[in-house]
Amino acid sequence: TSQTVTMCNGDSLLVGSTYYTTTGNYTNLLIATNGCDSTVTTNLTESPVITFTQNIVLCAGGSVTVGSSTYTSIGNYTNVLVSSNGCDSTVITNLTVHPLPIVSVSPDVTIAIGSSTTLTATGGGSYSWSPTNDLSSTTGGTVTANPFITTNYCVTVTDTNGCMDTACVTVNVDTRCGELFVPNAFSPNGDGSDDELKVYINEYCILSLIHISE
């Protein structure tokens, strides 16, 4: 009889009273059940154990899953899994974890409607601000904001390792218009002082002006 056998590295095959552990063609002379000699030819293939090494870099808060194990902290991990050939395989994971950038952003601020304020952020190599409306720029550590309504601006900071973190600042807009003041006299004599009759109030609070000539 002839047999073809595949086994995993480290296993052994018993034919009669002989063990085989490596790839090869083997012939054994045995006694059959009828008492006669019988010849067994064995074509043996040994499947290798697979060892795979992977180097993975994560940012703090991330994770990597190998088989049924999940890792989140720096270290070297070894997992024994079953490969496609049915044999054990070893996966070695060298895991590096970078910390998130420490983001600092301007404190909350209150401005009068129509005014602007400077927002600053530190802690990374690149900056991305949102929402983008009423900002002088959406990138950079320093931007100017002049919203007409109270707005919460958030900045996402990315460091040289590609790790990101976000911080936010609220720009409160004071929409009170103040008191309307109209002078009762002016001196249009060209001396640069009180030459024009003006209405004094926050200009963004004036919906319309009507000039009535007499």
N, C-alpha and C. Protein backbone atom coordinates (compact mmCIF):
# COMPACT_ATOMS: atom_id res chain seq x y z
N THR A 1 0.85 -1.18 0.00
CA THR A 1 0.00 0.00 0.00
C THR A 1 0.89 1.23 0.00
N SER A 2 0.32 2.34 -0.50
CA SER A 2 1.05 3.61 -0.53
C SER A 2 0.20 4.67 0.15
N GLN A 3 0.82 5.52 0.95
CA GLN A 3 0.09 6.57 1.63
C GLN A 3 0.86 7.91 1.51
N THR A 4 0.09 8.97 1.37
CA THR A 4 0.65 10.32 1.33
C THR A 4 0.16 11.06 2.57
N VAL A 5 1.11 11.55 3.36
CA VAL A 5 0.78 12.15 4.64
C VAL A 5 1.43 13.53 4.74
N THR A 6 0.66 14.49 5.24
CA THR A 6 1.20 15.82 5.55
C THR A 6 1.03 16.07 7.04
N MET A 7 2.08 16.49 7.68
CA MET A 7 2.01 16.77 9.11
C MET A 7 2.73 18.08 9.42
N CYS A 8 2.48 18.61 10.58
CA CYS A 8 3.07 19.88 11.00
C CYS A 8 4.46 19.64 11.59
N ASN A 9 5.29 20.64 11.45
CA ASN A 9 6.63 20.57 12.03
C ASN A 9 6.54 20.31 13.52
N GLY A 10 7.33 19.35 13.99
CA GLY A 10 7.31 18.99 15.40
C GLY A 10 6.47 17.76 15.69
N ASP A 11 5.61 17.39 14.72
CA ASP A 11 4.82 16.16 14.88
C ASP A 11 5.61 14.96 14.37
N SER A 12 5.08 13.76 14.57
CA SER A 12 5.74 12.54 14.08
C SER A 12 4.70 11.57 13.56
N LEU A 13 5.13 10.70 12.64
CA LEU A 13 4.25 9.68 12.05
C LEU A 13 4.79 8.30 12.39
N LEU A 14 3.92 7.44 12.92
CA LEU A 14 4.29 6.07 13.28
C LEU A 14 3.81 5.11 12.20
N VAL A 15 4.77 4.39 11.60
CA VAL A 15 4.46 3.33 10.63
C VAL A 15 5.07 2.05 11.18
N GLY A 16 4.22 1.12 11.55
CA GLY A 16 4.72 -0.09 12.21
C GLY A 16 5.31 0.31 13.56
N SER A 17 6.62 0.11 13.70
CA SER A 17 7.28 0.49 14.95
C SER A 17 8.27 1.63 14.72
N THR A 18 8.15 2.32 13.58
CA THR A 18 9.11 3.36 13.23
C THR A 18 8.42 4.72 13.19
N TYR A 19 9.05 5.72 13.83
CA TYR A 19 8.55 7.09 13.81
C TYR A 19 9.31 7.90 12.76
N TYR A 20 8.57 8.71 11.99
CA TYR A 20 9.18 9.61 11.02
C TYR A 20 8.78 11.06 11.36
N THR A 21 9.74 11.97 11.28
CA THR A 21 9.50 13.35 11.69
C THR A 21 9.85 14.37 10.61
N THR A 22 10.46 13.93 9.51
CA THR A 22 10.88 14.87 8.47
C THR A 22 10.35 14.44 7.10
N THR A 23 10.31 15.38 6.18
CA THR A 23 9.84 15.11 4.82
C THR A 23 10.70 14.02 4.15
N GLY A 24 10.04 13.08 3.45
CA GLY A 24 10.78 12.03 2.75
C GLY A 24 9.86 10.92 2.26
N ASN A 25 10.45 9.98 1.53
CA ASN A 25 9.73 8.80 1.06
C ASN A 25 10.28 7.58 1.82
N TYR A 26 9.41 6.86 2.49
CA TYR A 26 9.83 5.78 3.37
C TYR A 26 9.10 4.48 2.98
N THR A 27 9.83 3.35 3.11
CA THR A 27 9.26 2.03 2.82
C THR A 27 9.42 1.14 4.05
N ASN A 28 8.33 0.55 4.47
CA ASN A 28 8.33 -0.33 5.64
C ASN A 28 7.77 -1.69 5.24
N LEU A 29 8.42 -2.77 5.71
CA LEU A 29 7.95 -4.13 5.47
C LEU A 29 7.25 -4.62 6.74
N LEU A 30 5.97 -4.84 6.64
CA LEU A 30 5.17 -5.21 7.80
C LEU A 30 4.51 -6.57 7.55
N ILE A 31 3.88 -7.14 8.57
CA ILE A 31 3.13 -8.40 8.46
C ILE A 31 1.65 -8.05 8.35
N ALA A 32 1.01 -8.48 7.27
CA ALA A 32 -0.40 -8.17 7.09
C ALA A 32 -1.25 -9.07 7.97
N THR A 33 -2.53 -8.80 7.99
CA THR A 33 -3.44 -9.58 8.84
C THR A 33 -3.54 -11.04 8.40
N ASN A 34 -3.19 -11.29 7.11
CA ASN A 34 -3.23 -12.69 6.64
C ASN A 34 -1.93 -13.41 6.91
N GLY A 35 -0.99 -12.74 7.62
CA GLY A 35 0.27 -13.37 7.97
C GLY A 35 1.35 -13.22 6.94
N CYS A 36 1.05 -12.59 5.82
CA CYS A 36 2.05 -12.41 4.76
C CYS A 36 2.72 -11.05 4.90
N ASP A 37 3.90 -10.97 4.25
CA ASP A 37 4.58 -9.69 4.24
C ASP A 37 3.76 -8.65 3.46
N SER A 38 3.79 -7.40 3.92
CA SER A 38 3.17 -6.30 3.18
C SER A 38 4.14 -5.13 3.19
N THR A 39 4.13 -4.40 2.10
CA THR A 39 5.02 -3.25 1.97
C THR A 39 4.20 -1.96 2.02
N VAL A 40 4.60 -1.05 2.92
CA VAL A 40 3.95 0.26 3.04
C VAL A 40 4.93 1.33 2.60
N THR A 41 4.55 2.06 1.54
CA THR A 41 5.36 3.19 1.07
C THR A 41 4.70 4.48 1.54
N THR A 42 5.46 5.33 2.21
CA THR A 42 4.93 6.57 2.78
C THR A 42 5.62 7.77 2.13
N ASN A 43 4.79 8.65 1.54
CA ASN A 43 5.28 9.94 1.04
C ASN A 43 4.92 11.00 2.09
N LEU A 44 5.91 11.43 2.86
CA LEU A 44 5.68 12.29 4.01
C LEU A 44 6.13 13.72 3.71
N THR A 45 5.23 14.66 3.95
CA THR A 45 5.55 16.09 3.80
C THR A 45 5.35 16.78 5.14
N GLU A 46 6.36 17.50 5.55
CA GLU A 46 6.31 18.23 6.82
C GLU A 46 6.05 19.71 6.53
N SER A 47 4.91 20.23 7.01
CA SER A 47 4.59 21.65 6.82
C SER A 47 5.35 22.48 7.85
N PRO A 48 5.99 23.54 7.42
CA PRO A 48 6.78 24.34 8.37
C PRO A 48 5.88 25.15 9.29
N VAL A 49 6.41 25.46 10.45
CA VAL A 49 5.76 26.40 11.35
C VAL A 49 6.06 27.81 10.84
N ILE A 50 5.02 28.63 10.68
CA ILE A 50 5.18 29.98 10.16
C ILE A 50 5.41 30.95 11.30
N THR A 51 6.46 31.75 11.19
CA THR A 51 6.73 32.81 12.16
C THR A 51 6.71 34.14 11.44
N PHE A 52 5.86 35.04 11.91
CA PHE A 52 5.68 36.33 11.27
C PHE A 52 5.90 37.43 12.30
N THR A 53 6.72 38.41 11.94
CA THR A 53 6.99 39.54 12.83
C THR A 53 6.42 40.82 12.22
N GLN A 54 5.66 41.57 13.02
CA GLN A 54 5.10 42.82 12.55
C GLN A 54 5.43 43.96 13.52
N ASN A 55 5.79 45.10 12.96
CA ASN A 55 6.08 46.30 13.75
C ASN A 55 4.94 47.28 13.54
N ILE A 56 4.25 47.61 14.61
CA ILE A 56 3.07 48.46 14.53
C ILE A 56 3.25 49.69 15.42
N VAL A 57 2.87 50.85 14.89
CA VAL A 57 2.94 52.11 15.63
C VAL A 57 1.53 52.65 15.79
N LEU A 58 1.15 52.97 17.03
CA LEU A 58 -0.17 53.50 17.34
C LEU A 58 -0.05 54.82 18.10
N CYS A 59 -1.13 55.57 18.07
CA CYS A 59 -1.27 56.71 18.96
C CYS A 59 -2.04 56.27 20.20
N ALA A 60 -1.80 56.92 21.32
CA ALA A 60 -2.49 56.57 22.56
C ALA A 60 -4.00 56.57 22.33
N GLY A 61 -4.66 55.52 22.82
CA GLY A 61 -6.08 55.36 22.61
C GLY A 61 -6.40 54.39 21.50
N GLY A 62 -5.40 54.07 20.66
CA GLY A 62 -5.60 53.10 19.59
C GLY A 62 -5.36 51.68 20.08
N SER A 63 -5.60 50.71 19.23
CA SER A 63 -5.43 49.31 19.61
C SER A 63 -5.13 48.47 18.38
N VAL A 64 -4.53 47.31 18.60
CA VAL A 64 -4.29 46.34 17.52
C VAL A 64 -4.75 44.98 18.03
N THR A 65 -5.42 44.22 17.16
CA THR A 65 -5.93 42.91 17.53
C THR A 65 -5.18 41.83 16.75
N VAL A 66 -4.67 40.85 17.48
CA VAL A 66 -3.97 39.70 16.89
C VAL A 66 -4.69 38.45 17.38
N GLY A 67 -5.33 37.75 16.46
CA GLY A 67 -6.13 36.60 16.89
C GLY A 67 -7.27 37.07 17.76
N SER A 68 -7.32 36.60 18.99
CA SER A 68 -8.38 37.01 19.92
C SER A 68 -7.85 37.97 20.98
N SER A 69 -6.61 38.45 20.81
CA SER A 69 -5.99 39.35 21.79
C SER A 69 -5.93 40.76 21.24
N THR A 70 -6.21 41.73 22.10
CA THR A 70 -6.15 43.14 21.73
C THR A 70 -5.13 43.84 22.62
N TYR A 71 -4.24 44.61 21.99
CA TYR A 71 -3.16 45.29 22.71
C TYR A 71 -3.27 46.80 22.52
N THR A 72 -3.00 47.54 23.59
CA THR A 72 -3.12 49.00 23.57
C THR A 72 -1.88 49.71 24.09
N SER A 73 -0.94 48.97 24.70
CA SER A 73 0.23 49.61 25.30
C SER A 73 1.51 49.08 24.67
N ILE A 74 2.58 49.85 24.79
CA ILE A 74 3.85 49.50 24.18
C ILE A 74 4.35 48.16 24.72
N GLY A 75 4.97 47.37 23.84
CA GLY A 75 5.51 46.07 24.28
C GLY A 75 5.72 45.14 23.11
N ASN A 76 6.28 43.97 23.41
CA ASN A 76 6.50 42.90 22.42
C ASN A 76 5.61 41.72 22.79
N TYR A 77 4.77 41.31 21.86
CA TYR A 77 3.76 40.29 22.15
C TYR A 77 3.91 39.11 21.18
N THR A 78 3.68 37.91 21.70
CA THR A 78 3.76 36.69 20.89
C THR A 78 2.43 35.95 20.96
N ASN A 79 1.87 35.65 19.80
CA ASN A 79 0.62 34.91 19.71
C ASN A 79 0.81 33.67 18.84
N VAL A 80 0.30 32.53 19.30
CA VAL A 80 0.34 31.30 18.52
C VAL A 80 -1.04 31.07 17.93
N LEU A 81 -1.10 31.08 16.58
CA LEU A 81 -2.37 30.94 15.87
C LEU A 81 -2.31 29.70 14.98
N VAL A 82 -3.42 29.37 14.37
CA VAL A 82 -3.48 28.25 13.42
C VAL A 82 -3.48 28.84 12.02
N SER A 83 -2.49 28.45 11.21
CA SER A 83 -2.38 28.98 9.85
C SER A 83 -3.29 28.21 8.90
N SER A 84 -3.28 28.61 7.62
CA SER A 84 -4.16 28.00 6.63
C SER A 84 -3.83 26.53 6.39
N ASN A 85 -2.59 26.09 6.69
CA ASN A 85 -2.24 24.68 6.50
C ASN A 85 -2.58 23.82 7.72
N GLY A 86 -3.23 24.46 8.69
CA GLY A 86 -3.66 23.72 9.88
C GLY A 86 -2.61 23.60 10.95
N CYS A 87 -1.44 24.18 10.71
CA CYS A 87 -0.35 24.09 11.69
C CYS A 87 -0.27 25.37 12.52
N ASP A 88 0.41 25.25 13.64
CA ASP A 88 0.61 26.42 14.48
C ASP A 88 1.48 27.44 13.76
N SER A 89 1.15 28.71 13.94
CA SER A 89 1.98 29.79 13.42
C SER A 89 2.19 30.79 14.55
N THR A 90 3.34 31.41 14.56
CA THR A 90 3.69 32.34 15.62
C THR A 90 3.73 33.75 15.04
N VAL A 91 2.98 34.66 15.67
CA VAL A 91 2.96 36.07 15.27
C VAL A 91 3.61 36.88 16.39
N ILE A 92 4.70 37.55 16.05
CA ILE A 92 5.39 38.41 17.01
C ILE A 92 5.05 39.86 16.67
N THR A 93 4.50 40.58 17.62
CA THR A 93 4.08 41.97 17.42
C THR A 93 4.94 42.89 18.27
N ASN A 94 5.68 43.77 17.60
CA ASN A 94 6.44 44.81 18.30
C ASN A 94 5.62 46.10 18.22
N LEU A 95 5.04 46.48 19.35
CA LEU A 95 4.08 47.58 19.38
C LEU A 95 4.68 48.83 20.01
N THR A 96 4.62 49.93 19.27
CA THR A 96 5.04 51.24 19.78
C THR A 96 3.82 52.14 19.89
N VAL A 97 3.67 52.83 21.02
CA VAL A 97 2.52 53.71 21.25
C VAL A 97 3.03 55.11 21.56
N HIS A 98 2.64 56.07 20.72
CA HIS A 98 3.03 57.46 20.93
C HIS A 98 1.93 58.18 21.72
N PRO A 99 2.32 59.08 22.63
CA PRO A 99 1.31 59.85 23.38
C PRO A 99 0.63 60.87 22.47
N LEU A 100 -0.56 61.28 22.85
CA LEU A 100 -1.25 62.32 22.11
C LEU A 100 -0.61 63.68 22.41
N PRO A 101 -0.67 64.60 21.48
CA PRO A 101 -0.13 65.94 21.75
C PRO A 101 -0.92 66.61 22.86
N ILE A 102 -0.23 67.45 23.62
CA ILE A 102 -0.89 68.22 24.68
C ILE A 102 -1.31 69.55 24.08
N VAL A 103 -2.62 69.72 23.89
CA VAL A 103 -3.14 70.89 23.20
C VAL A 103 -3.53 71.96 24.21
N SER A 104 -3.10 73.18 23.95
CA SER A 104 -3.50 74.32 24.76
C SER A 104 -4.14 75.35 23.84
N VAL A 105 -5.28 75.88 24.24
CA VAL A 105 -6.00 76.83 23.40
C VAL A 105 -6.43 78.02 24.25
N SER A 106 -6.67 79.15 23.60
CA SER A 106 -7.08 80.37 24.30
C SER A 106 -8.29 80.12 25.18
N PRO A 107 -8.41 80.85 26.29
CA PRO A 107 -9.61 80.72 27.12
C PRO A 107 -10.83 81.33 26.42
N ASP A 108 -12.00 80.96 26.88
CA ASP A 108 -13.22 81.54 26.35
C ASP A 108 -13.17 83.07 26.46
N VAL A 109 -13.80 83.74 25.50
CA VAL A 109 -13.71 85.19 25.46
C VAL A 109 -15.06 85.76 25.04
N THR A 110 -15.33 86.99 25.47
CA THR A 110 -16.55 87.69 25.08
C THR A 110 -16.17 88.95 24.31
N ILE A 111 -16.78 89.14 23.15
CA ILE A 111 -16.51 90.31 22.33
C ILE A 111 -17.83 91.01 22.01
N ALA A 112 -17.74 92.30 21.69
CA ALA A 112 -18.92 93.02 21.23
C ALA A 112 -19.18 92.66 19.78
N ILE A 113 -20.42 92.67 19.41
CA ILE A 113 -20.76 92.34 18.03
C ILE A 113 -20.03 93.28 17.08
N GLY A 114 -19.44 92.71 16.04
CA GLY A 114 -18.66 93.49 15.09
C GLY A 114 -17.19 93.55 15.42
N SER A 115 -16.81 93.11 16.60
CA SER A 115 -15.40 93.11 16.99
C SER A 115 -14.76 91.78 16.62
N SER A 116 -13.46 91.69 16.81
CA SER A 116 -12.74 90.46 16.53
C SER A 116 -11.84 90.12 17.71
N THR A 117 -11.35 88.89 17.73
CA THR A 117 -10.45 88.44 18.78
C THR A 117 -9.46 87.45 18.20
N THR A 118 -8.31 87.34 18.85
CA THR A 118 -7.27 86.43 18.39
C THR A 118 -7.35 85.12 19.17
N LEU A 119 -7.37 84.01 18.45
CA LEU A 119 -7.38 82.68 19.06
C LEU A 119 -6.03 82.02 18.81
N THR A 120 -5.45 81.44 19.85
CA THR A 120 -4.16 80.78 19.71
C THR A 120 -4.23 79.35 20.22
N ALA A 121 -3.42 78.49 19.62
CA ALA A 121 -3.33 77.09 20.03
C ALA A 121 -1.87 76.66 19.96
N THR A 122 -1.48 75.76 20.85
CA THR A 122 -0.13 75.21 20.85
C THR A 122 -0.21 73.71 21.08
N GLY A 123 0.91 73.02 20.76
CA GLY A 123 0.99 71.60 21.09
C GLY A 123 1.26 70.68 19.93
N GLY A 124 1.38 71.20 18.71
CA GLY A 124 1.57 70.27 17.59
C GLY A 124 2.28 70.91 16.42
N GLY A 125 2.36 70.13 15.36
CA GLY A 125 3.02 70.61 14.17
C GLY A 125 2.07 71.27 13.19
N SER A 126 0.81 70.84 13.16
CA SER A 126 -0.17 71.44 12.25
C SER A 126 -1.49 71.62 12.99
N TYR A 127 -2.27 72.59 12.51
CA TYR A 127 -3.51 72.97 13.18
C TYR A 127 -4.64 73.07 12.17
N SER A 128 -5.82 72.63 12.57
CA SER A 128 -7.00 72.73 11.72
C SER A 128 -8.18 73.20 12.56
N TRP A 129 -8.73 74.38 12.20
CA TRP A 129 -9.82 74.99 12.97
C TRP A 129 -11.16 74.72 12.31
N SER A 130 -12.18 74.58 13.15
CA SER A 130 -13.55 74.45 12.65
C SER A 130 -14.51 74.97 13.72
N PRO A 131 -15.68 75.50 13.32
CA PRO A 131 -16.08 75.72 11.94
C PRO A 131 -15.21 76.78 11.29
N THR A 132 -15.28 76.86 9.98
CA THR A 132 -14.38 77.75 9.25
C THR A 132 -14.94 79.16 9.08
N ASN A 133 -16.21 79.35 9.38
CA ASN A 133 -16.82 80.66 9.13
C ASN A 133 -16.28 81.71 10.11
N ASP A 134 -16.10 82.92 9.58
CA ASP A 134 -15.68 84.10 10.36
C ASP A 134 -14.29 83.94 10.96
N LEU A 135 -13.42 83.15 10.30
CA LEU A 135 -12.04 83.01 10.73
C LEU A 135 -11.12 83.58 9.64
N SER A 136 -10.02 84.19 10.07
CA SER A 136 -9.05 84.72 9.11
C SER A 136 -8.32 83.59 8.40
N SER A 137 -8.22 82.43 9.04
CA SER A 137 -7.54 81.27 8.47
C SER A 137 -8.05 80.03 9.18
N THR A 138 -8.00 78.88 8.50
CA THR A 138 -8.42 77.62 9.13
C THR A 138 -7.22 76.80 9.59
N THR A 139 -6.00 77.30 9.33
CA THR A 139 -4.80 76.60 9.76
C THR A 139 -3.90 77.58 10.50
N GLY A 140 -2.93 77.02 11.20
CA GLY A 140 -1.98 77.86 11.93
C GLY A 140 -2.31 77.92 13.41
N GLY A 141 -1.31 78.26 14.18
CA GLY A 141 -1.50 78.33 15.62
C GLY A 141 -2.21 79.57 16.08
N THR A 142 -2.28 80.60 15.23
CA THR A 142 -2.95 81.85 15.59
C THR A 142 -3.89 82.26 14.47
N VAL A 143 -5.16 82.49 14.83
CA VAL A 143 -6.16 82.95 13.85
C VAL A 143 -6.98 84.06 14.48
N THR A 144 -7.66 84.82 13.62
CA THR A 144 -8.53 85.90 14.08
C THR A 144 -9.97 85.51 13.82
N ALA A 145 -10.81 85.67 14.83
CA ALA A 145 -12.23 85.32 14.72
C ALA A 145 -13.08 86.57 14.92
N ASN A 146 -14.08 86.76 14.06
CA ASN A 146 -15.02 87.87 14.24
C ASN A 146 -16.45 87.40 13.95
N PRO A 147 -16.94 86.46 14.74
CA PRO A 147 -18.30 85.96 14.52
C PRO A 147 -19.35 86.98 14.94
N PHE A 148 -20.52 86.88 14.34
CA PHE A 148 -21.62 87.76 14.70
C PHE A 148 -22.57 87.08 15.69
N ILE A 149 -22.37 85.79 15.91
CA ILE A 149 -23.12 85.08 16.93
C ILE A 149 -22.12 84.26 17.75
N THR A 150 -22.51 83.89 18.95
CA THR A 150 -21.64 83.09 19.80
C THR A 150 -21.29 81.78 19.09
N THR A 151 -19.98 81.49 19.01
CA THR A 151 -19.51 80.34 18.24
C THR A 151 -18.47 79.56 19.05
N ASN A 152 -18.58 78.24 19.00
CA ASN A 152 -17.60 77.37 19.64
C ASN A 152 -16.61 76.89 18.58
N TYR A 153 -15.36 77.35 18.67
CA TYR A 153 -14.33 76.97 17.71
C TYR A 153 -13.47 75.85 18.29
N CYS A 154 -13.22 74.82 17.49
CA CYS A 154 -12.36 73.71 17.92
C CYS A 154 -11.15 73.62 16.99
N VAL A 155 -10.01 73.29 17.57
CA VAL A 155 -8.79 73.13 16.80
C VAL A 155 -8.26 71.72 17.01
N THR A 156 -7.96 71.05 15.90
CA THR A 156 -7.36 69.72 15.93
C THR A 156 -5.88 69.87 15.65
N VAL A 157 -5.07 69.40 16.59
CA VAL A 157 -3.62 69.53 16.50
C VAL A 157 -3.01 68.17 16.15
N THR A 158 -2.14 68.15 15.15
CA THR A 158 -1.46 66.93 14.72
C THR A 158 0.03 67.09 14.92
N ASP A 159 0.67 66.13 15.63
CA ASP A 159 2.10 66.24 15.88
C ASP A 159 2.89 65.49 14.82
N THR A 160 4.20 65.45 14.99
CA THR A 160 5.08 64.84 13.99
C THR A 160 4.89 63.33 13.88
N ASN A 161 4.27 62.69 14.87
CA ASN A 161 4.00 61.26 14.82
C ASN A 161 2.65 60.94 14.18
N GLY A 162 1.93 61.99 13.78
CA GLY A 162 0.61 61.78 13.20
C GLY A 162 -0.48 61.61 14.22
N CYS A 163 -0.16 61.85 15.50
CA CYS A 163 -1.17 61.73 16.56
C CYS A 163 -1.92 63.05 16.69
N MET A 164 -3.21 62.97 17.01
CA MET A 164 -4.06 64.14 17.03
C MET A 164 -4.83 64.26 18.34
N ASP A 165 -5.12 65.51 18.69
CA ASP A 165 -6.01 65.80 19.81
C ASP A 165 -6.71 67.11 19.51
N THR A 166 -7.82 67.35 20.19
CA THR A 166 -8.66 68.51 19.89
C THR A 166 -8.99 69.27 21.16
N ALA A 167 -9.01 70.60 21.06
CA ALA A 167 -9.44 71.47 22.15
C ALA A 167 -10.35 72.54 21.56
N CYS A 168 -11.22 73.10 22.40
CA CYS A 168 -12.22 74.06 21.91
C CYS A 168 -12.23 75.32 22.75
N VAL A 169 -12.67 76.41 22.13
CA VAL A 169 -12.81 77.70 22.80
C VAL A 169 -14.11 78.34 22.31
N THR A 170 -14.81 78.99 23.21
CA THR A 170 -16.07 79.64 22.86
C THR A 170 -15.86 81.15 22.77
N VAL A 171 -16.26 81.71 21.65
CA VAL A 171 -16.25 83.16 21.48
C VAL A 171 -17.69 83.63 21.67
N ASN A 172 -17.94 84.26 22.82
CA ASN A 172 -19.27 84.77 23.11
C ASN A 172 -19.41 86.15 22.49
N VAL A 173 -20.53 86.39 21.83
CA VAL A 173 -20.77 87.67 21.17
C VAL A 173 -21.85 88.43 21.93
N ASP A 174 -21.47 89.59 22.44
CA ASP A 174 -22.40 90.45 23.16
C ASP A 174 -23.16 91.28 22.13
N THR A 175 -24.44 90.99 21.98
CA THR A 175 -25.24 91.66 20.95
C THR A 175 -25.98 92.89 21.48
N ARG A 176 -25.71 93.30 22.70
CA ARG A 176 -26.35 94.52 23.20
C ARG A 176 -25.85 95.73 22.42
N CYS A 177 -26.77 96.60 22.05
CA CYS A 177 -26.41 97.72 21.18
C CYS A 177 -25.97 98.95 21.94
N GLY A 178 -26.27 99.01 23.19
CA GLY A 178 -25.91 100.22 23.94
C GLY A 178 -26.94 101.32 23.74
N GLU A 179 -26.62 102.50 24.18
CA GLU A 179 -27.57 103.63 24.14
C GLU A 179 -27.37 104.47 22.88
N LEU A 180 -28.45 104.80 22.24
CA LEU A 180 -28.42 105.66 21.06
C LEU A 180 -28.18 107.10 21.49
N PHE A 181 -27.21 107.74 20.84
CA PHE A 181 -26.88 109.13 21.21
C PHE A 181 -26.78 109.97 19.94
N VAL A 182 -27.57 111.03 19.89
CA VAL A 182 -27.54 111.96 18.77
C VAL A 182 -27.20 113.34 19.33
N PRO A 183 -26.07 113.91 18.96
CA PRO A 183 -25.71 115.25 19.45
C PRO A 183 -26.74 116.29 19.01
N ASN A 184 -26.90 117.32 19.83
CA ASN A 184 -27.86 118.36 19.49
C ASN A 184 -27.20 119.56 18.81
N ALA A 185 -25.90 119.44 18.52
CA ALA A 185 -25.20 120.52 17.81
C ALA A 185 -23.94 119.97 17.18
N PHE A 186 -23.49 120.66 16.10
CA PHE A 186 -22.21 120.33 15.49
C PHE A 186 -21.68 121.57 14.80
N SER A 187 -20.39 121.56 14.49
CA SER A 187 -19.74 122.76 13.93
C SER A 187 -19.04 122.42 12.63
N PRO A 188 -19.76 122.50 11.51
CA PRO A 188 -19.17 122.16 10.22
C PRO A 188 -18.29 123.27 9.64
N ASN A 189 -17.20 123.56 10.35
CA ASN A 189 -16.32 124.64 9.91
C ASN A 189 -14.99 124.14 9.34
N GLY A 190 -14.87 122.84 9.17
CA GLY A 190 -13.68 122.30 8.54
C GLY A 190 -12.46 122.23 9.44
N ASP A 191 -12.65 122.37 10.76
CA ASP A 191 -11.48 122.31 11.64
C ASP A 191 -11.16 120.89 12.10
N GLY A 192 -11.89 119.92 11.60
CA GLY A 192 -11.63 118.54 11.96
C GLY A 192 -12.28 118.10 13.25
N SER A 193 -13.03 118.97 13.88
CA SER A 193 -13.69 118.64 15.15
C SER A 193 -15.17 118.89 15.01
N ASP A 194 -15.97 117.86 15.20
CA ASP A 194 -17.43 117.96 15.14
C ASP A 194 -17.91 118.56 13.83
N ASP A 195 -17.26 118.19 12.73
CA ASP A 195 -17.66 118.74 11.43
C ASP A 195 -18.90 118.05 10.88
N GLU A 196 -19.19 116.85 11.36
CA GLU A 196 -20.33 116.09 10.85
C GLU A 196 -21.26 115.72 11.99
N LEU A 197 -22.52 115.71 11.66
CA LEU A 197 -23.53 115.26 12.62
C LEU A 197 -23.64 113.75 12.52
N LYS A 198 -23.34 113.03 13.60
CA LYS A 198 -23.33 111.58 13.59
C LYS A 198 -24.29 111.02 14.62
N VAL A 199 -24.79 109.82 14.29
CA VAL A 199 -25.59 109.04 15.23
C VAL A 199 -24.66 108.02 15.86
N TYR A 200 -24.53 108.02 17.17
CA TYR A 200 -23.59 107.14 17.87
C TYR A 200 -24.32 105.94 18.46
N ILE A 201 -23.98 104.78 17.91
CA ILE A 201 -24.50 103.49 18.39
C ILE A 201 -23.67 102.43 17.68
N ASN A 202 -23.65 101.23 18.22
CA ASN A 202 -22.94 100.15 17.55
C ASN A 202 -23.47 100.03 16.12
N GLU A 203 -22.57 100.19 15.12
CA GLU A 203 -23.01 100.23 13.73
C GLU A 203 -23.70 98.94 13.29
N TYR A 204 -23.39 97.80 13.95
CA TYR A 204 -23.99 96.54 13.55
C TYR A 204 -25.41 96.38 14.09
N CYS A 205 -25.82 97.35 14.92
CA CYS A 205 -27.17 97.30 15.46
C CYS A 205 -28.13 98.16 14.64
N ILE A 206 -27.64 98.92 13.70
CA ILE A 206 -28.50 99.78 12.88
C ILE A 206 -29.02 98.97 11.71
N LEU A 207 -30.33 98.81 11.65
CA LEU A 207 -30.94 98.07 10.56
C LEU A 207 -31.06 98.95 9.32
N SER A 208 -31.42 100.19 9.50
CA SER A 208 -31.54 101.10 8.35
C SER A 208 -31.50 102.53 8.83
N LEU A 209 -31.08 103.42 7.93
CA LEU A 209 -31.08 104.87 8.19
C LEU A 209 -31.86 105.55 7.08
N ILE A 210 -32.74 106.44 7.45
CA ILE A 210 -33.56 107.17 6.48
C ILE A 210 -33.22 108.65 6.59
N HIS A 211 -32.83 109.21 5.48
CA HIS A 211 -32.53 110.64 5.46
C HIS A 211 -33.75 111.40 4.97
N ILE A 212 -34.23 112.31 5.76
CA ILE A 212 -35.39 113.12 5.40
C ILE A 212 -34.92 114.55 5.24
N SER A 213 -35.03 115.05 4.06
CA SER A 213 -34.61 116.43 3.80
C SER A 213 -35.77 117.38 4.04
N GLU A 214 -35.47 118.54 4.50
CA GLU A 214 -36.51 119.55 4.73
C GLU A 214 -36.46 120.63 3.65
